[in-house]
């Protein structure tokens, strides 16, 4: 069972069309990636990484992913979530700084 943090509850809107990817990694860490179309047709995404006991390790929401379909955004989000789960968020920040 996941214990959702405020980032999820601020993002959640079950009335919007969405797709999800749930995964449990070998160490028990849970990954939850959701993409949706906003009311204006913008692709949006939520990434959650949870400890085996369910507490939130990392949650982030993207209000807009310009030019990406839900399918492509979901694939990118799953990769990002797996990287955060296995290497930690600091690895993502370092990778982001290198690409600038």
N, C-alpha and C. Protein backbone atom coordinates (compact mmCIF):
# COMPACT_ATOMS: atom_id res chain seq x y z
N UNK A 1 0.83 -1.18 0.00
CA UNK A 1 0.00 0.00 0.00
C UNK A 1 0.88 1.25 0.00
N UNK A 2 0.59 2.16 -0.90
CA UNK A 2 1.36 3.40 -0.99
C UNK A 2 0.77 4.46 -0.07
N UNK A 3 1.65 5.21 0.55
CA UNK A 3 1.24 6.35 1.36
C UNK A 3 1.54 7.59 0.52
N UNK A 4 0.51 8.12 -0.10
CA UNK A 4 0.68 9.24 -1.02
C UNK A 4 1.05 10.52 -0.29
N UNK A 5 1.93 11.28 -0.93
CA UNK A 5 2.33 12.57 -0.39
C UNK A 5 1.52 13.69 -1.02
N UNK A 6 1.78 14.93 -0.62
CA UNK A 6 1.02 16.06 -1.13
C UNK A 6 1.17 16.28 -2.64
N UNK A 7 2.32 15.92 -3.20
CA UNK A 7 2.50 16.10 -4.66
C UNK A 7 1.46 15.29 -5.43
N UNK A 8 1.18 14.08 -4.96
CA UNK A 8 0.18 13.26 -5.64
C UNK A 8 -1.21 13.86 -5.50
N UNK A 9 -1.58 14.23 -4.28
CA UNK A 9 -2.94 14.73 -4.04
C UNK A 9 -3.18 16.07 -4.74
N UNK A 10 -2.15 16.88 -4.89
CA UNK A 10 -2.29 18.13 -5.64
C UNK A 10 -2.50 17.84 -7.13
N UNK A 11 -1.93 16.75 -7.61
CA UNK A 11 -1.99 16.40 -9.03
C UNK A 11 -3.23 15.59 -9.39
N UNK A 12 -3.72 14.79 -8.49
CA UNK A 12 -4.78 13.81 -8.76
C UNK A 12 -6.07 14.46 -9.28
N UNK A 13 -6.62 13.84 -10.33
CA UNK A 13 -7.94 14.21 -10.86
C UNK A 13 -8.47 13.00 -11.62
N UNK A 14 -9.23 12.13 -10.95
CA UNK A 14 -9.67 10.88 -11.57
C UNK A 14 -10.64 11.06 -12.74
N UNK A 15 -11.12 12.26 -12.96
CA UNK A 15 -12.06 12.47 -14.07
C UNK A 15 -11.36 12.60 -15.42
N UNK A 16 -10.03 12.80 -15.41
CA UNK A 16 -9.29 12.96 -16.66
C UNK A 16 -8.83 11.61 -17.21
N UNK A 17 -8.80 11.49 -18.53
CA UNK A 17 -8.30 10.29 -19.20
C UNK A 17 -6.83 10.11 -18.83
N UNK A 18 -6.47 8.90 -18.38
CA UNK A 18 -5.08 8.68 -17.98
C UNK A 18 -4.64 7.24 -18.24
N UNK A 19 -3.34 7.05 -18.19
CA UNK A 19 -2.73 5.72 -18.28
C UNK A 19 -1.74 5.60 -17.13
N UNK A 20 -1.56 4.37 -16.65
CA UNK A 20 -0.67 4.17 -15.51
C UNK A 20 0.31 3.03 -15.76
N UNK A 21 1.42 3.09 -15.05
CA UNK A 21 2.39 2.01 -15.03
C UNK A 21 2.78 1.81 -13.56
N UNK A 22 2.48 0.65 -13.02
CA UNK A 22 2.87 0.27 -11.66
C UNK A 22 3.86 -0.86 -11.76
N UNK A 23 4.89 -0.79 -10.93
CA UNK A 23 5.94 -1.81 -10.97
C UNK A 23 6.54 -1.96 -9.58
N UNK A 24 6.86 -3.19 -9.22
CA UNK A 24 7.60 -3.45 -7.98
C UNK A 24 8.97 -3.97 -8.38
N UNK A 25 10.01 -3.25 -7.97
CA UNK A 25 11.38 -3.63 -8.32
C UNK A 25 11.85 -4.78 -7.42
N UNK A 26 12.99 -5.37 -7.77
CA UNK A 26 13.50 -6.53 -7.04
C UNK A 26 13.67 -6.29 -5.54
N UNK A 27 14.01 -5.05 -5.16
CA UNK A 27 14.21 -4.75 -3.75
C UNK A 27 12.92 -4.36 -3.02
N UNK A 28 11.79 -4.43 -3.74
CA UNK A 28 10.50 -4.11 -3.14
C UNK A 28 10.05 -2.67 -3.34
N UNK A 29 10.94 -1.83 -3.87
CA UNK A 29 10.57 -0.44 -4.14
C UNK A 29 9.47 -0.42 -5.19
N UNK A 30 8.47 0.43 -4.96
CA UNK A 30 7.34 0.53 -5.88
C UNK A 30 7.46 1.79 -6.73
N UNK A 31 7.17 1.64 -8.01
CA UNK A 31 7.20 2.74 -8.97
C UNK A 31 5.79 2.93 -9.50
N UNK A 32 5.34 4.17 -9.52
CA UNK A 32 4.01 4.51 -10.04
C UNK A 32 4.17 5.70 -10.98
N UNK A 33 3.86 5.50 -12.25
CA UNK A 33 3.92 6.58 -13.23
C UNK A 33 2.54 6.70 -13.86
N UNK A 34 2.03 7.91 -13.91
CA UNK A 34 0.72 8.17 -14.51
C UNK A 34 0.85 9.33 -15.48
N UNK A 35 0.24 9.18 -16.63
CA UNK A 35 0.15 10.28 -17.59
C UNK A 35 -1.32 10.52 -17.90
N UNK A 36 -1.61 11.76 -18.27
CA UNK A 36 -2.99 12.11 -18.58
C UNK A 36 -3.02 13.28 -19.54
N UNK A 37 -4.19 13.49 -20.09
CA UNK A 37 -4.44 14.68 -20.89
C UNK A 37 -5.25 15.65 -20.04
N UNK A 38 -4.77 16.89 -19.96
CA UNK A 38 -5.51 17.91 -19.23
C UNK A 38 -6.78 18.26 -20.01
N UNK A 39 -7.59 19.09 -19.42
CA UNK A 39 -8.82 19.51 -20.10
C UNK A 39 -8.53 20.30 -21.37
N UNK A 40 -7.32 20.86 -21.48
CA UNK A 40 -6.94 21.61 -22.69
C UNK A 40 -6.14 20.75 -23.67
N UNK A 41 -5.95 19.46 -23.36
CA UNK A 41 -5.25 18.55 -24.26
C UNK A 41 -3.75 18.46 -24.04
N UNK A 42 -3.26 19.04 -22.96
CA UNK A 42 -1.84 18.99 -22.63
C UNK A 42 -1.50 17.67 -21.95
N UNK A 43 -0.38 17.06 -22.34
CA UNK A 43 0.08 15.84 -21.67
C UNK A 43 0.71 16.22 -20.34
N UNK A 44 0.28 15.56 -19.27
CA UNK A 44 0.80 15.79 -17.93
C UNK A 44 1.24 14.45 -17.34
N UNK A 45 2.15 14.50 -16.35
CA UNK A 45 2.68 13.25 -15.80
C UNK A 45 2.94 13.37 -14.30
N UNK A 46 2.75 12.25 -13.62
CA UNK A 46 3.11 12.10 -12.21
C UNK A 46 4.06 10.92 -12.08
N UNK A 47 5.12 11.10 -11.31
CA UNK A 47 6.07 10.01 -11.01
C UNK A 47 6.13 9.86 -9.50
N UNK A 48 5.92 8.64 -9.03
CA UNK A 48 6.04 8.34 -7.61
C UNK A 48 6.94 7.13 -7.39
N UNK A 49 7.84 7.23 -6.42
CA UNK A 49 8.70 6.12 -6.03
C UNK A 49 8.47 5.92 -4.54
N UNK A 50 8.15 4.68 -4.16
CA UNK A 50 7.73 4.38 -2.79
C UNK A 50 8.57 3.25 -2.20
N UNK A 51 8.89 3.36 -0.92
CA UNK A 51 9.63 2.32 -0.21
C UNK A 51 8.77 1.06 -0.12
N UNK A 52 9.40 -0.10 0.13
CA UNK A 52 8.63 -1.34 0.24
C UNK A 52 7.49 -1.25 1.27
N UNK A 53 7.66 -0.46 2.32
CA UNK A 53 6.60 -0.30 3.32
C UNK A 53 5.52 0.68 2.87
N UNK A 54 5.76 1.38 1.76
CA UNK A 54 4.74 2.25 1.20
C UNK A 54 4.98 3.74 1.32
N UNK A 55 5.96 4.15 2.12
CA UNK A 55 6.19 5.59 2.28
C UNK A 55 6.79 6.19 1.01
N UNK A 56 6.44 7.43 0.75
CA UNK A 56 6.91 8.11 -0.46
C UNK A 56 8.40 8.45 -0.33
N UNK A 57 9.19 7.98 -1.29
CA UNK A 57 10.60 8.34 -1.36
C UNK A 57 10.78 9.55 -2.26
N UNK A 58 9.97 9.60 -3.31
CA UNK A 58 10.05 10.71 -4.27
C UNK A 58 8.73 10.80 -5.02
N UNK A 59 8.21 12.01 -5.13
CA UNK A 59 7.03 12.26 -5.95
C UNK A 59 7.26 13.56 -6.70
N UNK A 60 6.89 13.56 -7.97
CA UNK A 60 6.97 14.80 -8.75
C UNK A 60 5.88 14.78 -9.81
N UNK A 61 5.40 15.96 -10.13
CA UNK A 61 4.36 16.10 -11.14
C UNK A 61 4.82 17.11 -12.18
N UNK A 62 4.46 16.84 -13.43
CA UNK A 62 4.77 17.72 -14.55
C UNK A 62 3.45 18.22 -15.11
N UNK A 63 3.24 19.52 -15.06
CA UNK A 63 1.99 20.11 -15.56
C UNK A 63 1.91 20.11 -17.08
N UNK A 64 3.06 20.04 -17.74
CA UNK A 64 3.06 20.08 -19.20
C UNK A 64 4.30 19.39 -19.73
N UNK A 65 4.09 18.51 -20.69
CA UNK A 65 5.19 17.87 -21.41
C UNK A 65 4.96 18.18 -22.89
N UNK A 66 5.43 19.33 -23.33
CA UNK A 66 5.12 19.81 -24.68
C UNK A 66 5.58 18.85 -25.78
N UNK A 67 4.71 18.63 -26.74
CA UNK A 67 5.06 17.85 -27.92
C UNK A 67 5.14 16.35 -27.72
N UNK A 68 4.80 15.85 -26.55
CA UNK A 68 4.89 14.41 -26.29
C UNK A 68 3.50 13.80 -26.18
N UNK A 69 3.35 12.63 -26.75
CA UNK A 69 2.11 11.87 -26.60
C UNK A 69 2.10 11.24 -25.21
N UNK A 70 0.96 10.74 -24.82
CA UNK A 70 0.86 10.05 -23.53
C UNK A 70 1.78 8.82 -23.52
N UNK A 71 1.84 8.11 -24.63
CA UNK A 71 2.66 6.90 -24.71
C UNK A 71 4.14 7.21 -24.52
N UNK A 72 4.63 8.22 -25.23
CA UNK A 72 6.05 8.59 -25.12
C UNK A 72 6.36 9.15 -23.74
N UNK A 73 5.46 9.95 -23.20
CA UNK A 73 5.67 10.51 -21.87
C UNK A 73 5.71 9.39 -20.82
N UNK A 74 4.83 8.41 -20.96
CA UNK A 74 4.81 7.29 -20.01
C UNK A 74 6.12 6.52 -20.07
N UNK A 75 6.62 6.24 -21.25
CA UNK A 75 7.88 5.51 -21.40
C UNK A 75 9.03 6.30 -20.76
N UNK A 76 9.09 7.61 -21.01
CA UNK A 76 10.14 8.44 -20.43
C UNK A 76 10.01 8.46 -18.90
N UNK A 77 8.79 8.58 -18.41
CA UNK A 77 8.56 8.63 -16.97
C UNK A 77 8.94 7.33 -16.27
N UNK A 78 8.66 6.20 -16.90
CA UNK A 78 9.04 4.90 -16.31
C UNK A 78 10.56 4.81 -16.20
N UNK A 79 11.26 5.23 -17.24
CA UNK A 79 12.73 5.22 -17.20
C UNK A 79 13.25 6.12 -16.09
N UNK A 80 12.69 7.31 -15.97
CA UNK A 80 13.11 8.25 -14.93
C UNK A 80 12.82 7.68 -13.54
N UNK A 81 11.64 7.10 -13.36
CA UNK A 81 11.28 6.53 -12.06
C UNK A 81 12.21 5.38 -11.67
N UNK A 82 12.53 4.52 -12.63
CA UNK A 82 13.45 3.41 -12.34
C UNK A 82 14.82 3.93 -11.94
N UNK A 83 15.29 4.97 -12.64
CA UNK A 83 16.59 5.55 -12.32
C UNK A 83 16.59 6.16 -10.92
N UNK A 84 15.54 6.88 -10.59
CA UNK A 84 15.42 7.46 -9.25
C UNK A 84 15.38 6.36 -8.20
N UNK A 85 14.63 5.29 -8.47
CA UNK A 85 14.49 4.19 -7.51
C UNK A 85 15.80 3.46 -7.29
N UNK A 86 16.59 3.30 -8.33
CA UNK A 86 17.82 2.51 -8.21
C UNK A 86 19.04 3.33 -7.86
N UNK A 87 19.07 4.60 -8.30
CA UNK A 87 20.26 5.42 -8.08
C UNK A 87 20.02 6.63 -7.20
N UNK A 88 18.78 6.89 -6.86
CA UNK A 88 18.45 8.03 -6.02
C UNK A 88 18.23 9.30 -6.83
N UNK A 89 17.55 10.25 -6.23
CA UNK A 89 17.23 11.49 -6.93
C UNK A 89 18.47 12.31 -7.21
N UNK A 90 19.50 12.20 -6.38
CA UNK A 90 20.74 12.96 -6.60
C UNK A 90 21.35 12.60 -7.95
N UNK A 91 21.22 11.33 -8.36
CA UNK A 91 21.74 10.91 -9.67
C UNK A 91 20.99 11.62 -10.79
N UNK A 92 19.69 11.83 -10.60
CA UNK A 92 18.89 12.52 -11.61
C UNK A 92 19.30 13.99 -11.71
N UNK A 93 19.56 14.62 -10.57
CA UNK A 93 19.98 16.02 -10.58
C UNK A 93 21.33 16.17 -11.27
N UNK A 94 22.24 15.24 -11.01
CA UNK A 94 23.56 15.27 -11.64
C UNK A 94 23.43 15.07 -13.15
N UNK A 95 22.60 14.13 -13.56
CA UNK A 95 22.37 13.88 -14.98
C UNK A 95 21.75 15.11 -15.65
N UNK A 96 20.83 15.75 -14.97
CA UNK A 96 20.18 16.94 -15.51
C UNK A 96 21.18 18.07 -15.68
N UNK A 97 22.08 18.25 -14.73
CA UNK A 97 23.09 19.30 -14.81
C UNK A 97 24.05 19.06 -15.97
N UNK A 98 24.35 17.80 -16.25
CA UNK A 98 25.26 17.47 -17.35
C UNK A 98 24.64 17.75 -18.71
N UNK A 99 23.33 17.68 -18.80
CA UNK A 99 22.67 17.85 -20.10
C UNK A 99 22.38 19.32 -20.42
N UNK A 100 22.68 20.23 -19.50
CA UNK A 100 22.41 21.66 -19.73
C UNK A 100 23.55 22.32 -20.46
